[in-house]
Amino acid sequence: MTMANLLQVWRTCTRPHPEHFLSQSSWASKYPLPFRRAGWILMVMVLCLGMQAQPLLAQDAPRRRGGTPSLKIGFNRQMLSGYNFTLEDTGSGTKYSNASPMQGNELVLEYVFFDRVSIELGVDMTPLARNYELTVGGTKTVTEEKVRSSLGGANLYFNGASGNGFKFMAGLNTGNMAVSHSFQGTGSVLDKKSSAAKVIVNGIKLGIDWISDNAGARLSYSTLTGVRKVKDAPLAGWDETYTYTAAIVTLGIFAFF
């Protein structure tokens, strides 16, 4: 088909009476109006599909080169320090406390928007835990403490989340720490007793990601603050204070989709 034929088809399609073209063009007589209309409809459909596919291809292409990781699924090793548990005898006013570090594992889901901002949810796979002794009334009491964390927040990537290499970010966290205690000690007033409480915490996070084509690694440091005091329950005669002026360090790996 020559350029002149294409121009003639264009003029025909823009005229209010396409039948005029049928009387002047031998090419038009070979291709009746229904076929020409079908051809134009097909061309429009192809153009529409191309316009829809273009942004998808534009996103997938950099993703193959280590591009924007829209959804991250990761596994973190957590190390918590600075959390203090205090047990107070309401009768004598004697206080017993412990602030030893805790460790656990966390599953993280993160979704990235516009290559800069993300929302994140972290839930524990194995709780933060520690075992220690409290000498209560002259008797040693073994305390098993577990903390199940559930934290959500938002992150900002300073140099963008896409592309290979190091990515720097800061964020805000909020959530709760579900703490449980189990006490064991022959002759102890706390023997075979237990307690539980939830503490609301808030924090600020700094982190660095290293991204390859399909996966990455993260190191982050977060501050956590929150306090709760439970009076005379569930341990009768005892007040419990949970104080988070703490720091949590996570080291983990993730894959993105």
Protein backbone atom coordinates (compact mmCIF):
# COMPACT_ATOMS: atom_id res chain seq x y z
CA MET A 1 0.00 0.00 0.00
CA THR A 2 1.41 3.39 -0.99
CA MET A 3 1.47 6.58 1.06
CA ALA A 4 -1.16 8.03 -1.23
CA ASN A 5 -3.46 5.14 -0.39
CA LEU A 6 -2.93 5.69 3.35
CA LEU A 7 -3.73 9.38 3.01
CA GLN A 8 -6.85 8.56 1.03
CA VAL A 9 -8.00 6.09 3.74
CA TRP A 10 -7.44 8.74 6.40
CA ARG A 11 -9.51 11.31 4.51
CA THR A 12 -12.25 8.74 4.02
CA CYS A 13 -12.46 7.91 7.69
CA THR A 14 -12.71 11.57 8.64
CA ARG A 15 -15.49 12.34 6.15
CA PRO A 16 -19.12 12.16 7.23
CA HIS A 17 -20.00 10.10 4.11
CA PRO A 18 -17.42 7.37 3.50
CA GLU A 19 -19.41 6.09 0.53
CA HIS A 20 -17.93 8.93 -1.58
CA PHE A 21 -14.56 7.24 -1.41
CA LEU A 22 -15.94 3.97 -2.78
CA SER A 23 -16.77 5.63 -6.08
CA GLN A 24 -13.27 7.07 -6.56
CA SER A 25 -10.80 4.49 -5.28
CA SER A 26 -10.15 1.08 -6.73
CA TRP A 27 -8.38 0.10 -3.49
CA ALA A 28 -11.50 0.89 -1.46
CA SER A 29 -13.57 -1.32 -3.72
CA LYS A 30 -11.28 -4.24 -2.86
CA TYR A 31 -11.78 -3.64 0.87
CA PRO A 32 -15.45 -2.98 1.71
CA LEU A 33 -16.41 -0.62 4.50
CA PRO A 34 -17.03 -3.32 7.15
CA PHE A 35 -13.48 -4.65 6.65
CA ARG A 36 -12.01 -1.15 6.90
CA ARG A 37 -13.96 -0.43 10.06
CA ALA A 38 -12.80 -3.70 11.57
CA GLY A 39 -9.23 -2.81 10.69
CA TRP A 40 -9.46 0.56 12.37
CA ILE A 41 -11.05 -0.98 15.47
CA LEU A 42 -8.22 -3.53 15.59
CA MET A 43 -5.60 -0.79 15.30
CA VAL A 44 -7.22 1.18 18.14
CA MET A 45 -7.30 -1.96 20.31
CA VAL A 46 -3.61 -2.62 19.64
CA LEU A 47 -2.72 0.98 20.52
CA CYS A 48 -4.73 0.79 23.75
CA LEU A 49 -3.07 -2.48 24.74
CA GLY A 50 0.32 -0.97 23.98
CA MET A 51 -0.41 2.04 26.15
CA GLN A 52 -1.44 -0.24 29.01
CA ALA A 53 1.59 -2.50 28.63
CA GLN A 54 4.13 0.30 28.41
CA PRO A 55 4.10 1.28 32.13
CA LEU A 56 4.19 -2.39 33.13
CA LEU A 57 7.21 -3.02 30.96
CA ALA A 58 8.82 0.16 32.26
CA GLN A 59 8.46 -1.16 35.81
CA ASP A 60 9.53 -4.72 35.06
CA ALA A 61 12.64 -3.68 33.14
CA PRO A 62 14.38 -1.97 36.07
CA ARG A 63 13.17 -4.69 38.39
CA ARG A 64 15.20 -7.17 36.38
CA ARG A 65 18.19 -4.88 36.91
CA GLY A 66 17.53 -4.59 40.64
CA GLY A 67 14.74 -2.06 40.40
CA THR A 68 11.98 -0.92 42.69
CA PRO A 69 11.18 -3.75 45.15
CA SER A 70 7.45 -3.05 45.55
CA LEU A 71 6.87 -5.87 48.05
CA LYS A 72 9.57 -7.06 50.41
CA ILE A 73 9.31 -10.21 52.51
CA GLY A 74 12.12 -10.59 55.01
CA PHE A 75 13.47 -12.39 58.04
CA ASN A 76 15.21 -10.45 60.83
CA ARG A 77 17.28 -11.41 63.84
CA GLN A 78 16.33 -9.05 66.70
CA MET A 79 18.48 -7.96 69.64
CA LEU A 80 16.75 -5.85 72.31
CA SER A 81 18.55 -4.01 75.09
CA GLY A 82 17.46 -1.40 77.61
CA TYR A 83 14.08 -2.93 78.48
CA ASN A 84 13.63 -3.10 82.26
CA PHE A 85 11.15 -5.21 84.20
CA THR A 86 10.55 -4.26 87.85
CA LEU A 87 8.64 -6.30 90.40
CA GLU A 88 7.65 -4.50 93.62
CA ASP A 89 6.39 -6.06 96.84
CA THR A 90 3.47 -3.82 97.82
CA GLY A 91 3.81 -4.81 101.48
CA SER A 92 7.49 -4.06 102.07
CA GLY A 93 8.17 -1.79 99.08
CA THR A 94 11.13 -3.97 98.04
CA LYS A 95 11.86 -3.87 94.33
CA TYR A 96 13.40 -6.55 92.10
CA SER A 97 14.36 -5.78 88.54
CA ASN A 98 16.16 -7.07 85.47
CA ALA A 99 17.34 -5.38 82.27
CA SER A 100 19.37 -8.10 80.56
CA PRO A 101 19.28 -8.20 76.72
CA MET A 102 16.82 -10.29 74.74
CA GLN A 103 16.94 -11.96 71.32
CA GLY A 104 14.32 -13.24 68.89
CA ASN A 105 13.32 -13.60 65.24
CA GLU A 106 10.93 -11.49 63.19
CA LEU A 107 9.02 -11.77 59.91
CA VAL A 108 8.70 -8.46 58.03
CA LEU A 109 6.41 -7.36 55.20
CA GLU A 110 7.12 -4.02 53.51
CA TYR A 111 5.42 -2.28 50.58
CA VAL A 112 7.20 0.55 48.74
CA PHE A 113 5.34 3.48 47.16
CA PHE A 114 6.82 5.83 44.54
CA ASP A 115 10.35 4.52 45.18
CA ARG A 116 10.63 6.68 48.31
CA VAL A 117 8.04 5.82 50.96
CA SER A 118 7.06 2.46 52.40
CA ILE A 119 4.80 0.95 55.02
CA GLU A 120 6.05 -1.96 57.09
CA LEU A 121 4.63 -4.62 59.40
CA GLY A 122 6.76 -6.84 61.59
CA VAL A 123 5.53 -9.82 63.61
CA ASP A 124 7.68 -12.18 65.64
CA MET A 125 8.38 -15.72 64.48
CA THR A 126 10.03 -16.62 67.77
CA PRO A 127 9.53 -14.21 70.68
CA LEU A 128 12.21 -12.16 72.35
CA ALA A 129 13.23 -14.15 75.40
CA ARG A 130 15.47 -14.16 78.46
CA ASN A 131 15.87 -16.25 81.61
CA TYR A 132 17.20 -14.81 84.87
CA GLU A 133 17.09 -15.20 88.62
CA LEU A 134 15.42 -12.91 91.16
CA THR A 135 16.23 -13.41 94.83
CA VAL A 136 12.84 -12.83 96.42
CA GLY A 137 12.67 -13.07 100.21
CA GLY A 138 16.05 -14.78 100.30
CA THR A 139 14.91 -17.46 97.84
CA LYS A 140 16.09 -17.68 94.27
CA THR A 141 13.27 -17.48 91.74
CA VAL A 142 13.94 -18.42 88.13
CA THR A 143 12.06 -16.10 85.79
CA GLU A 144 11.30 -16.98 82.19
CA GLU A 145 10.28 -13.88 80.27
CA LYS A 146 8.98 -13.72 76.69
CA VAL A 147 8.01 -10.72 74.60
CA ARG A 148 5.91 -11.09 71.46
CA SER A 149 6.34 -7.98 69.35
CA SER A 150 3.98 -6.56 66.76
CA LEU A 151 5.24 -3.34 65.18
CA GLY A 152 4.07 -1.30 62.21
CA GLY A 153 5.42 1.89 60.71
CA ALA A 154 6.46 3.98 57.75
CA ASN A 155 9.89 4.47 56.18
CA LEU A 156 11.46 7.14 53.99
CA TYR A 157 14.30 6.20 51.60
CA PHE A 158 16.72 9.09 51.16
CA ASN A 159 18.28 7.88 47.91
CA GLY A 160 15.33 5.87 46.63
CA ALA A 161 14.52 2.18 47.06
CA SER A 162 15.30 1.13 43.48
CA GLY A 163 18.53 0.08 41.85
CA ASN A 164 21.39 -2.05 43.11
CA GLY A 165 23.59 -1.02 46.00
CA PHE A 166 23.10 0.65 49.38
CA LYS A 167 19.84 2.39 50.28
CA PHE A 168 19.52 4.62 53.34
CA MET A 169 16.26 5.06 55.21
CA ALA A 170 14.62 6.41 58.35
CA GLY A 171 11.23 5.59 59.80
CA LEU A 172 8.72 5.68 62.62
CA ASN A 173 7.42 2.62 64.49
CA THR A 174 4.46 1.97 66.72
CA GLY A 175 2.92 -1.18 68.14
CA ASN A 176 2.70 -3.33 71.22
CA MET A 177 4.90 -5.71 73.14
CA ALA A 178 3.02 -8.60 74.75
CA VAL A 179 5.07 -9.64 77.78
CA SER A 180 4.63 -12.85 79.77
CA HIS A 181 6.42 -14.15 82.86
CA SER A 182 6.65 -17.59 84.40
CA PHE A 183 8.17 -17.95 87.86
CA GLN A 184 9.74 -21.12 89.28
CA GLY A 185 11.44 -21.50 92.64
CA THR A 186 11.00 -24.06 95.40
CA GLY A 187 9.90 -22.24 98.54
CA SER A 188 9.50 -18.92 96.70
CA VAL A 189 6.32 -16.89 97.17
CA LEU A 190 6.20 -16.63 93.36
CA ASP A 191 6.65 -20.34 92.64
CA LYS A 192 4.48 -21.58 89.74
CA LYS A 193 2.88 -18.17 89.27
CA SER A 194 2.68 -16.22 86.02
CA SER A 195 1.75 -12.80 84.71
CA ALA A 196 1.14 -11.08 81.36
CA ALA A 197 0.68 -7.55 80.07
CA LYS A 198 0.77 -5.52 76.85
CA VAL A 199 2.88 -2.38 76.51
CA ILE A 200 2.33 0.23 73.79
CA VAL A 201 5.66 1.41 72.36
CA ASN A 202 6.76 4.03 69.84
CA GLY A 203 10.10 4.46 68.17
CA ILE A 204 12.36 5.98 65.54
CA LYS A 205 14.33 3.79 63.16
CA LEU A 206 17.46 4.25 61.05
CA GLY A 207 18.48 1.61 58.56
CA ILE A 208 20.53 0.67 55.55
CA ASP A 209 19.59 -1.83 52.84
CA TRP A 210 21.85 -3.52 50.35
CA ILE A 211 19.92 -4.57 47.23
CA SER A 212 20.88 -6.99 44.47
CA ASP A 213 18.74 -8.10 41.53
CA ASN A 214 16.25 -10.23 43.46
CA ALA A 215 17.07 -9.96 47.16
CA GLY A 216 18.80 -7.86 49.76
CA ALA A 217 19.99 -7.44 53.33
CA ARG A 218 19.14 -4.91 56.02
CA LEU A 219 20.73 -3.54 59.18
CA SER A 220 18.55 -1.28 61.32
CA TYR A 221 18.64 0.45 64.69
CA SER A 222 15.44 1.51 66.47
CA THR A 223 14.64 3.26 69.70
CA LEU A 224 11.56 2.11 71.64
CA THR A 225 9.83 4.01 74.41
CA GLY A 226 6.85 2.96 76.49
CA VAL A 227 5.90 2.40 80.12
CA ARG A 228 3.14 0.44 81.82
CA LYS A 229 2.54 -0.22 85.49
CA VAL A 230 0.25 -3.06 86.58
CA LYS A 231 -0.89 -2.83 90.21
CA ASP A 232 -1.66 -5.91 92.32
CA ALA A 233 -2.79 -8.03 89.35
CA PRO A 234 -2.46 -10.70 88.20
CA LEU A 235 0.12 -11.22 90.99
CA ALA A 236 -1.67 -10.39 94.23
CA GLY A 237 0.52 -8.25 96.47
CA TRP A 238 2.91 -7.30 93.67
CA ASP A 239 3.17 -4.33 91.31
CA GLU A 240 4.80 -4.80 87.92
CA THR A 241 6.44 -2.03 85.89
CA TYR A 242 7.46 -2.47 82.27
CA THR A 243 9.82 0.26 81.07
CA TYR A 244 11.03 0.56 77.48
CA THR A 245 13.75 3.11 77.05
CA ALA A 246 15.28 0.60 74.76
CA ALA A 247 17.13 0.00 71.54
CA ILE A 248 16.48 -2.82 69.12
CA VAL A 249 18.97 -3.84 66.44
CA THR A 250 17.86 -6.04 63.55
CA LEU A 251 19.96 -7.84 60.96
CA GLY A 252 18.10 -9.64 58.22
CA ILE A 253 17.62 -10.69 54.63
CA PHE A 254 14.68 -10.20 52.27
CA ALA A 255 13.39 -10.99 48.81
CA PHE A 256 11.25 -8.61 46.75
CA PHE A 257 8.56 -8.99 44.13
